[in-house]
Structure formats: C-alpha cells, structure tokens
Amino acid sequence: MQQSLKVVTGFTLVPVEERRNVTDTVASVKQSFKATAHRLLAWLRATAPLHSRVAGEAFTRLQVLACYAGVALLLIILGLAERIGGAL
C-alpha cells in the first residue's frame, strides 16, 4: 500500500511511513521561532545609520523606535486633551 488512498469525502489517507512526527514539527517551529527572535534582536541592537549620522551620536534601532513610540503617545495625549478641553 505505497500510494495514498482516496476516500469518498475527498480526504487523502497517507500511509504511516509518510506522516511527519508531531514532535519533530514542534521542535522545528521552536527552532525557527528562536532563530527569528535572535535575528530580530540583533537587528534592533544594530546602529541606525541615518539617525546616527544626523545626530552625530550612535543610536540603536531600538532607541529610535522607542522615540517614535513616545512621540506617537504624546500626540495621542495632546489630541485627547484638546478634545476634552473643547468639550468643556
């Protein structure tokens, strides 16, 4: 029984030898996640060339992203304060 069997419902039955082991799949996903997280952290720790050149200091990409998040939060707070102040 080397070939897959077709069932009336349309599903394909695969012989046991061809099935992937679930633990191998989970381990592969974990390893892939760790590798992606490692690459992301390495990218965040690298210097941001444009911002470093403009400011004359060395800034990491994480510092730049934190600065952008702070500016966005400040704008949201100012917008809410204006909205509340206009309602009074």
PDB file of N, CA and C in Angstrom:
ATOM      1  N   MET A   1       0.843  -1.170   0.000  1.00  0.00           N
ATOM      2  CA  MET A   1       0.000   0.000   0.000  1.00  0.00           C
ATOM      3  C   MET A   1       0.892   1.239   0.000  1.00  0.00           C
ATOM      4  N   GLN A   2       1.602   1.475  -1.084  1.00  0.00           N
ATOM      5  CA  GLN A   2       2.551   2.567  -1.199  1.00  0.00           C
ATOM      6  C   GLN A   2       1.884   3.878  -1.605  1.00  0.00           C
ATOM      7  N   GLN A   3       0.705   3.802  -2.226  1.00  0.00           N
ATOM      8  CA  GLN A   3       0.054   5.013  -2.696  1.00  0.00           C
ATOM      9  C   GLN A   3      -0.972   5.488  -1.675  1.00  0.00           C
ATOM     10  N   SER A   4      -1.267   6.783  -1.719  1.00  0.00           N
ATOM     11  CA  SER A   4      -2.306   7.335  -0.861  1.00  0.00           C
ATOM     12  C   SER A   4      -3.662   6.851  -1.352  1.00  0.00           C
ATOM     13  N   LEU A   5      -4.582   6.671  -0.419  1.00  0.00           N
ATOM     14  CA  LEU A   5      -5.915   6.181  -0.758  1.00  0.00           C
ATOM     15  C   LEU A   5      -6.902   7.342  -0.753  1.00  0.00           C
ATOM     16  N   LYS A   6      -7.761   7.417  -1.766  1.00  0.00           N
ATOM     17  CA  LYS A   6      -8.797   8.440  -1.829  1.00  0.00           C
ATOM     18  C   LYS A   6     -10.048   7.900  -1.150  1.00  0.00           C
ATOM     19  N   VAL A   7     -10.643   8.740  -0.337  1.00  0.00           N
ATOM     20  CA  VAL A   7     -11.873   8.364   0.342  1.00  0.00           C
ATOM     21  C   VAL A   7     -13.003   9.111  -0.351  1.00  0.00           C
ATOM     22  N   VAL A   8     -14.222   8.663  -0.153  1.00  0.00           N
ATOM     23  CA  VAL A   8     -15.366   9.268  -0.815  1.00  0.00           C
ATOM     24  C   VAL A   8     -15.497  10.749  -0.444  1.00  0.00           C
ATOM     25  N   THR A   9     -15.106  11.124   0.765  1.00  0.00           N
ATOM     26  CA  THR A   9     -15.248  12.507   1.211  1.00  0.00           C
ATOM     27  C   THR A   9     -14.209  13.432   0.584  1.00  0.00           C
ATOM     28  N   GLY A  10     -13.199  12.921  -0.060  1.00  0.00           N
ATOM     29  CA  GLY A  10     -12.206  13.748  -0.706  1.00  0.00           C
ATOM     30  C   GLY A  10     -10.912  13.859   0.080  1.00  0.00           C
ATOM     31  N   PHE A  11     -10.858  13.360   1.302  1.00  0.00           N
ATOM     32  CA  PHE A  11      -9.638  13.390   2.085  1.00  0.00           C
ATOM     33  C   PHE A  11      -8.674  12.343   1.568  1.00  0.00           C
ATOM     34  N   THR A  12      -7.394  12.589   1.745  1.00  0.00           N
ATOM     35  CA  THR A  12      -6.376  11.649   1.313  1.00  0.00           C
ATOM     36  C   THR A  12      -5.792  10.962   2.536  1.00  0.00           C
ATOM     37  N   LEU A  13      -5.788   9.645   2.525  1.00  0.00           N
ATOM     38  CA  LEU A  13      -5.172   8.891   3.604  1.00  0.00           C
ATOM     39  C   LEU A  13      -3.717   8.647   3.230  1.00  0.00           C
ATOM     40  N   VAL A  14      -2.829   8.968   4.119  1.00  0.00           N
ATOM     41  CA  VAL A  14      -1.405   8.829   3.863  1.00  0.00           C
ATOM     42  C   VAL A  14      -0.885   7.674   4.700  1.00  0.00           C
ATOM     43  N   PRO A  15      -0.093   6.796   4.121  1.00  0.00           N
ATOM     44  CA  PRO A  15       0.460   5.698   4.902  1.00  0.00           C
ATOM     45  C   PRO A  15       1.289   6.220   6.073  1.00  0.00           C
ATOM     46  N   VAL A  16       1.420   5.409   7.095  1.00  0.00           N
ATOM     47  CA  VAL A  16       2.089   5.804   8.326  1.00  0.00           C
ATOM     48  C   VAL A  16       3.529   6.214   8.065  1.00  0.00           C
ATOM     49  N   GLU A  17       4.212   5.588   7.136  1.00  0.00           N
ATOM     50  CA  GLU A  17       5.607   5.894   6.876  1.00  0.00           C
ATOM     51  C   GLU A  17       5.782   7.329   6.376  1.00  0.00           C
ATOM     52  N   GLU A  18       4.787   7.893   5.708  1.00  0.00           N
ATOM     53  CA  GLU A  18       4.906   9.215   5.121  1.00  0.00           C
ATOM     54  C   GLU A  18       4.503  10.325   6.087  1.00  0.00           C
ATOM     55  N   ARG A  19       3.876  10.017   7.181  1.00  0.00           N
ATOM     56  CA  ARG A  19       3.434  11.031   8.127  1.00  0.00           C
ATOM     57  C   ARG A  19       4.619  11.620   8.882  1.00  0.00           C
ATOM     58  N   ARG A  20       4.558  12.928   9.124  1.00  0.00           N
ATOM     59  CA  ARG A  20       5.616  13.583   9.887  1.00  0.00           C
ATOM     60  C   ARG A  20       5.311  13.432  11.361  1.00  0.00           C
ATOM     61  N   ASN A  21       6.331  13.304  12.121  1.00  0.00           N
ATOM     62  CA  ASN A  21       6.183  13.189  13.560  1.00  0.00           C
ATOM     63  C   ASN A  21       5.840  14.572  14.129  1.00  0.00           C
ATOM     64  N   VAL A  22       4.850  14.626  15.009  1.00  0.00           N
ATOM     65  CA  VAL A  22       4.401  15.899  15.566  1.00  0.00           C
ATOM     66  C   VAL A  22       5.496  16.543  16.406  1.00  0.00           C
ATOM     67  N   THR A  23       6.236  15.761  17.156  1.00  0.00           N
ATOM     68  CA  THR A  23       7.292  16.335  17.986  1.00  0.00           C
ATOM     69  C   THR A  23       8.395  16.948  17.128  1.00  0.00           C
ATOM     70  N   ASP A  24       8.679  16.346  15.975  1.00  0.00           N
ATOM     71  CA  ASP A  24       9.659  16.931  15.061  1.00  0.00           C
ATOM     72  C   ASP A  24       9.163  18.279  14.536  1.00  0.00           C
ATOM     73  N   THR A  25       7.870  18.358  14.243  1.00  0.00           N
ATOM     74  CA  THR A  25       7.290  19.605  13.740  1.00  0.00           C
ATOM     75  C   THR A  25       7.339  20.686  14.803  1.00  0.00           C
ATOM     76  N   VAL A  26       6.985  20.341  16.043  1.00  0.00           N
ATOM     77  CA  VAL A  26       7.017  21.314  17.136  1.00  0.00           C
ATOM     78  C   VAL A  26       8.444  21.794  17.376  1.00  0.00           C
ATOM     79  N   ALA A  27       9.385  20.880  17.354  1.00  0.00           N
ATOM     80  CA  ALA A  27      10.790  21.256  17.544  1.00  0.00           C
ATOM     81  C   ALA A  27      11.258  22.168  16.416  1.00  0.00           C
ATOM     82  N   SER A  28      10.819  21.885  15.204  1.00  0.00           N
ATOM     83  CA  SER A  28      11.193  22.710  14.063  1.00  0.00           C
ATOM     84  C   SER A  28      10.609  24.118  14.203  1.00  0.00           C
ATOM     85  N   VAL A  29       9.362  24.215  14.661  1.00  0.00           N
ATOM     86  CA  VAL A  29       8.727  25.521  14.851  1.00  0.00           C
ATOM     87  C   VAL A  29       9.439  26.300  15.953  1.00  0.00           C
ATOM     88  N   LYS A  30       9.785  25.634  17.057  1.00  0.00           N
ATOM     89  CA  LYS A  30      10.503  26.291  18.151  1.00  0.00           C
ATOM     90  C   LYS A  30      11.857  26.805  17.673  1.00  0.00           C
ATOM     91  N   GLN A  31      12.577  25.983  16.926  1.00  0.00           N
ATOM     92  CA  GLN A  31      13.887  26.381  16.425  1.00  0.00           C
ATOM     93  C   GLN A  31      13.761  27.557  15.462  1.00  0.00           C
ATOM     94  N   SER A  32      12.751  27.538  14.615  1.00  0.00           N
ATOM     95  CA  SER A  32      12.525  28.634  13.681  1.00  0.00           C
ATOM     96  C   SER A  32      12.182  29.919  14.431  1.00  0.00           C
ATOM     97  N   PHE A  33      11.363  29.816  15.480  1.00  0.00           N
ATOM     98  CA  PHE A  33      10.997  30.983  16.281  1.00  0.00           C
ATOM     99  C   PHE A  33      12.218  31.563  16.983  1.00  0.00           C
ATOM    100  N   LYS A  34      13.048  30.693  17.549  1.00  0.00           N
ATOM    101  CA  LYS A  34      14.257  31.164  18.231  1.00  0.00           C
ATOM    102  C   LYS A  34      15.197  31.868  17.257  1.00  0.00           C
ATOM    103  N   ALA A  35      15.343  31.310  16.066  1.00  0.00           N
ATOM    104  CA  ALA A  35      16.225  31.919  15.070  1.00  0.00           C
ATOM    105  C   ALA A  35      15.680  33.280  14.635  1.00  0.00           C
ATOM    106  N   THR A  36      14.372  33.379  14.449  1.00  0.00           N
ATOM    107  CA  THR A  36      13.765  34.643  14.054  1.00  0.00           C
ATOM    108  C   THR A  36      13.899  35.676  15.164  1.00  0.00           C
ATOM    109  N   ALA A  37      13.672  35.262  16.410  1.00  0.00           N
ATOM    110  CA  ALA A  37      13.809  36.177  17.546  1.00  0.00           C
ATOM    111  C   ALA A  37      15.254  36.655  17.679  1.00  0.00           C
ATOM    112  N   HIS A  38      16.200  35.762  17.452  1.00  0.00           N
ATOM    113  CA  HIS A  38      17.620  36.136  17.528  1.00  0.00           C
ATOM    114  C   HIS A  38      17.974  37.159  16.454  1.00  0.00           C
ATOM    115  N   ARG A  39      17.482  36.938  15.235  1.00  0.00           N
ATOM    116  CA  ARG A  39      17.743  37.884  14.147  1.00  0.00           C
ATOM    117  C   ARG A  39      17.082  39.235  14.421  1.00  0.00           C
ATOM    118  N   LEU A  40      15.857  39.211  14.980  1.00  0.00           N
ATOM    119  CA  LEU A  40      15.158  40.452  15.288  1.00  0.00           C
ATOM    120  C   LEU A  40      15.891  41.249  16.364  1.00  0.00           C
ATOM    121  N   LEU A  41      16.330  40.565  17.418  1.00  0.00           N
ATOM    122  CA  LEU A  41      17.073  41.255  18.477  1.00  0.00           C
ATOM    123  C   LEU A  41      18.402  41.806  17.960  1.00  0.00           C
ATOM    124  N   ALA A  42      19.063  41.066  17.093  1.00  0.00           N
ATOM    125  CA  ALA A  42      20.311  41.549  16.509  1.00  0.00           C
ATOM    126  C   ALA A  42      20.050  42.787  15.652  1.00  0.00           C
ATOM    127  N   TRP A  43      18.943  42.788  14.911  1.00  0.00           N
ATOM    128  CA  TRP A  43      18.593  43.944  14.093  1.00  0.00           C
ATOM    129  C   TRP A  43      18.282  45.149  14.971  1.00  0.00           C
ATOM    130  N   LEU A  44      17.556  44.939  16.068  1.00  0.00           N
ATOM    131  CA  LEU A  44      17.204  46.045  16.961  1.00  0.00           C
ATOM    132  C   LEU A  44      18.429  46.624  17.667  1.00  0.00           C
ATOM    133  N   ARG A  45      19.415  45.798  17.955  1.00  0.00           N
ATOM    134  CA  ARG A  45      20.615  46.262  18.656  1.00  0.00           C
ATOM    135  C   ARG A  45      21.615  46.960  17.732  1.00  0.00           C
ATOM    136  N   ALA A  46      21.433  46.822  16.432  1.00  0.00           N
ATOM    137  CA  ALA A  46      22.349  47.449  15.474  1.00  0.00           C
ATOM    138  C   ALA A  46      22.120  48.955  15.450  1.00  0.00           C
ATOM    139  N   THR A  47      23.135  49.690  15.030  1.00  0.00           N
ATOM    140  CA  THR A  47      23.003  51.145  14.984  1.00  0.00           C
ATOM    141  C   THR A  47      22.122  51.554  13.808  1.00  0.00           C
ATOM    142  N   ALA A  48      21.380  52.631  14.030  1.00  0.00           N
ATOM    143  CA  ALA A  48      20.545  53.211  12.977  1.00  0.00           C
ATOM    144  C   ALA A  48      21.407  54.216  12.222  1.00  0.00           C
ATOM    145  N   PRO A  49      21.836  53.894  11.016  1.00  0.00           N
ATOM    146  CA  PRO A  49      22.815  54.728  10.323  1.00  0.00           C
ATOM    147  C   PRO A  49      22.340  56.156  10.048  1.00  0.00           C
ATOM    148  N   LEU A  50      21.105  56.327   9.587  1.00  0.00           N
ATOM    149  CA  LEU A  50      20.625  57.661   9.249  1.00  0.00           C
ATOM    150  C   LEU A  50      20.524  58.540  10.492  1.00  0.00           C
ATOM    151  N   HIS A  51      19.904  58.039  11.529  1.00  0.00           N
ATOM    152  CA  HIS A  51      19.731  58.828  12.742  1.00  0.00           C
ATOM    153  C   HIS A  51      21.078  59.103  13.424  1.00  0.00           C
ATOM    154  N   SER A  52      21.964  58.154  13.359  1.00  0.00           N
ATOM    155  CA  SER A  52      23.285  58.348  13.959  1.00  0.00           C
ATOM    156  C   SER A  52      24.076  59.412  13.205  1.00  0.00           C
ATOM    157  N   ARG A  53      23.980  59.411  11.871  1.00  0.00           N
ATOM    158  CA  ARG A  53      24.683  60.401  11.068  1.00  0.00           C
ATOM    159  C   ARG A  53      24.125  61.800  11.300  1.00  0.00           C
ATOM    160  N   VAL A  54      22.791  61.902  11.371  1.00  0.00           N
ATOM    161  CA  VAL A  54      22.158  63.205  11.540  1.00  0.00           C
ATOM    162  C   VAL A  54      22.480  63.785  12.919  1.00  0.00           C
ATOM    163  N   ALA A  55      22.397  62.948  13.966  1.00  0.00           N
ATOM    164  CA  ALA A  55      22.599  63.441  15.328  1.00  0.00           C
ATOM    165  C   ALA A  55      24.070  63.523  15.710  1.00  0.00           C
ATOM    166  N   GLY A  56      24.916  62.795  15.045  1.00  0.00           N
ATOM    167  CA  GLY A  56      26.325  62.790  15.389  1.00  0.00           C
ATOM    168  C   GLY A  56      26.654  61.866  16.551  1.00  0.00           C
ATOM    169  N   GLU A  57      25.697  61.089  16.995  1.00  0.00           N
ATOM    170  CA  GLU A  57      25.897  60.097  18.059  1.00  0.00           C
ATOM    171  C   GLU A  57      25.454  58.743  17.530  1.00  0.00           C
ATOM    172  N   ALA A  58      25.786  57.702  18.259  1.00  0.00           N
ATOM    173  CA  ALA A  58      25.373  56.358  17.855  1.00  0.00           C
ATOM    174  C   ALA A  58      24.061  56.001  18.547  1.00  0.00           C
ATOM    175  N   PHE A  59      23.024  55.782  17.748  1.00  0.00           N
ATOM    176  CA  PHE A  59      21.718  55.357  18.256  1.00  0.00           C
ATOM    177  C   PHE A  59      21.398  53.985  17.714  1.00  0.00           C
ATOM    178  N   THR A  60      20.789  53.136  18.534  1.00  0.00           N
ATOM    179  CA  THR A  60      20.349  51.832  18.062  1.00  0.00           C
ATOM    180  C   THR A  60      18.950  51.962  17.473  1.00  0.00           C
ATOM    181  N   ARG A  61      18.576  50.982  16.710  1.00  0.00           N
ATOM    182  CA  ARG A  61      17.236  50.993  16.117  1.00  0.00           C
ATOM    183  C   ARG A  61      16.160  50.899  17.196  1.00  0.00           C
ATOM    184  N   LEU A  62      16.455  50.210  18.288  1.00  0.00           N
ATOM    185  CA  LEU A  62      15.510  50.106  19.396  1.00  0.00           C
ATOM    186  C   LEU A  62      15.275  51.482  20.022  1.00  0.00           C
ATOM    187  N   GLN A  63      16.321  52.274  20.183  1.00  0.00           N
ATOM    188  CA  GLN A  63      16.173  53.623  20.732  1.00  0.00           C
ATOM    189  C   GLN A  63      15.351  54.506  19.799  1.00  0.00           C
ATOM    190  N   VAL A  64      15.561  54.359  18.504  1.00  0.00           N
ATOM    191  CA  VAL A  64      14.805  55.144  17.532  1.00  0.00           C
ATOM    192  C   VAL A  64      13.334  54.759  17.570  1.00  0.00           C
ATOM    193  N   LEU A  65      13.044  53.462  17.621  1.00  0.00           N
ATOM    194  CA  LEU A  65      11.649  53.011  17.689  1.00  0.00           C
ATOM    195  C   LEU A  65      10.988  53.461  18.982  1.00  0.00           C
ATOM    196  N   ALA A  66      11.724  53.448  20.089  1.00  0.00           N
ATOM    197  CA  ALA A  66      11.175  53.923  21.363  1.00  0.00           C
ATOM    198  C   ALA A  66      10.863  55.414  21.281  1.00  0.00           C
ATOM    199  N   CYS A  67      11.704  56.165  20.622  1.00  0.00           N
ATOM    200  CA  CYS A  67      11.475  57.595  20.451  1.00  0.00           C
ATOM    201  C   CYS A  67      10.211  57.835  19.618  1.00  0.00           C
ATOM    202  N   TYR A  68      10.058  57.105  18.527  1.00  0.00           N
ATOM    203  CA  TYR A  68       8.861  57.241  17.700  1.00  0.00           C
ATOM    204  C   TYR A  68       7.602  56.865  18.485  1.00  0.00           C
ATOM    205  N   ALA A  69       7.678  55.827  19.294  1.00  0.00           N
ATOM    206  CA  ALA A  69       6.526  55.424  20.110  1.00  0.00           C
ATOM    207  C   ALA A  69       6.192  56.514  21.127  1.00  0.00           C
ATOM    208  N   GLY A  70       7.214  57.132  21.715  1.00  0.00           N
ATOM    209  CA  GLY A  70       6.983  58.221  22.657  1.00  0.00           C
ATOM    210  C   GLY A  70       6.328  59.422  22.002  1.00  0.00           C
ATOM    211  N   VAL A  71       6.778  59.773  20.807  1.00  0.00           N
ATOM    212  CA  VAL A  71       6.188  60.895  20.074  1.00  0.00           C
ATOM    213  C   VAL A  71       4.732  60.583  19.714  1.00  0.00           C
ATOM    214  N   ALA A  72       4.465  59.377  19.271  1.00  0.00           N
ATOM    215  CA  ALA A  72       3.093  58.987  18.935  1.00  0.00           C
ATOM    216  C   ALA A  72       2.198  59.041  20.177  1.00  0.00           C
ATOM    217  N   LEU A  73       2.698  58.574  21.311  1.00  0.00           N
ATOM    218  CA  LEU A  73       1.937  58.627  22.554  1.00  0.00           C
ATOM    219  C   LEU A  73       1.677  60.076  22.966  1.00  0.00           C
ATOM    220  N   LEU A  74       2.659  60.934  22.840  1.00  0.00           N
ATOM    221  CA  LEU A  74       2.492  62.339  23.167  1.00  0.00           C
ATOM    222  C   LEU A  74       1.423  62.987  22.287  1.00  0.00           C
ATOM    223  N   LEU A  75       1.433  62.687  20.992  1.00  0.00           N
ATOM    224  CA  LEU A  75       0.433  63.241  20.088  1.00  0.00           C
ATOM    225  C   LEU A  75      -0.969  62.750  20.438  1.00  0.00           C
ATOM    226  N   ILE A  76      -1.080  61.485  20.825  1.00  0.00           N
ATOM    227  CA  ILE A  76      -2.384  60.948  21.228  1.00  0.00           C
ATOM    228  C   ILE A  76      -2.873  61.648  22.489  1.00  0.00           C
ATOM    229  N   ILE A  77      -1.986  61.845  23.454  1.00  0.00           N
ATOM    230  CA  ILE A  77      -2.369  62.522  24.700  1.00  0.00           C
ATOM    231  C   ILE A  77      -2.782  63.963  24.414  1.00  0.00           C
ATOM    232  N   LEU A  78      -2.036  64.663  23.570  1.00  0.00           N
ATOM    233  CA  LEU A  78      -2.392  66.037  23.227  1.00  0.00           C
ATOM    234  C   LEU A  78      -3.730  66.100  22.498  1.00  0.00           C
ATOM    235  N   GLY A  79      -3.970  65.150  21.621  1.00  0.00           N
ATOM    236  CA  GLY A  79      -5.256  65.105  20.919  1.00  0.00           C
ATOM    237  C   GLY A  79      -6.413  64.862  21.872  1.00  0.00           C
ATOM    238  N   LEU A  80      -6.225  63.958  22.827  1.00  0.00           N
ATOM    239  CA  LEU A  80      -7.272  63.700  23.820  1.00  0.00           C
ATOM    240  C   LEU A  80      -7.495  64.911  24.715  1.00  0.00           C
ATOM    241  N   ALA A  81      -6.419  65.593  25.105  1.00  0.00           N
ATOM    242  CA  ALA A  81      -6.547  66.766  25.955  1.00  0.00           C
ATOM    243  C   ALA A  81      -7.284  67.883  25.227  1.00  0.00           C
ATOM    244  N   GLU A  82      -7.000  68.049  23.946  1.00  0.00           N
ATOM    245  CA  GLU A  82      -7.705  69.067  23.165  1.00  0.00           C
ATOM    246  C   GLU A  82      -9.194  68.726  23.028  1.00  0.00           C
ATOM    247  N   ARG A  83      -9.456  67.460  22.831  1.00  0.00           N
ATOM    248  CA  ARG A  83     -10.848  67.018  22.689  1.00  0.00           C
ATOM    249  C   ARG A  83     -11.627  67.226  23.985  1.00  0.00           C
ATOM    250  N   ILE A  84     -10.993  66.890  25.104  1.00  0.00           N
ATOM    251  CA  ILE A  84     -11.645  67.064  26.400  1.00  0.00           C
ATOM    252  C   ILE A  84     -11.795  68.564  26.702  1.00  0.00           C
ATOM    253  N   GLY A  85     -10.783  69.345  26.408  1.00  0.00           N
ATOM    254  CA  GLY A  85     -10.835  70.788  26.654  1.00  0.00           C
ATOM    255  C   GLY A  85     -11.893  71.471  25.790  1.00  0.00           C
ATOM    256  N   GLY A  86     -12.097  70.999  24.593  1.00  0.00           N
ATOM    257  CA  GLY A  86     -13.114  71.566  23.712  1.00  0.00           C
ATOM    258  C   GLY A  86     -14.520  71.201  24.130  1.00  0.00           C
ATOM    259  N   ALA A  87     -14.660  70.094  24.860  1.00  0.00           N
ATOM    260  CA  ALA A  87     -15.976  69.649  25.295  1.00  0.00           C
ATOM    261  C   ALA A  87     -16.436  70.405  26.526  1.00  0.00           C
ATOM    262  N   LEU A  88     -15.514  71.022  27.260  1.00  0.00           N
ATOM    263  CA  LEU A  88     -15.896  71.726  28.488  1.00  0.00           C
ATOM    264  C   LEU A  88     -16.418  73.059  28.164  1.00  0.00           C
TER     265      LEU A  88
END
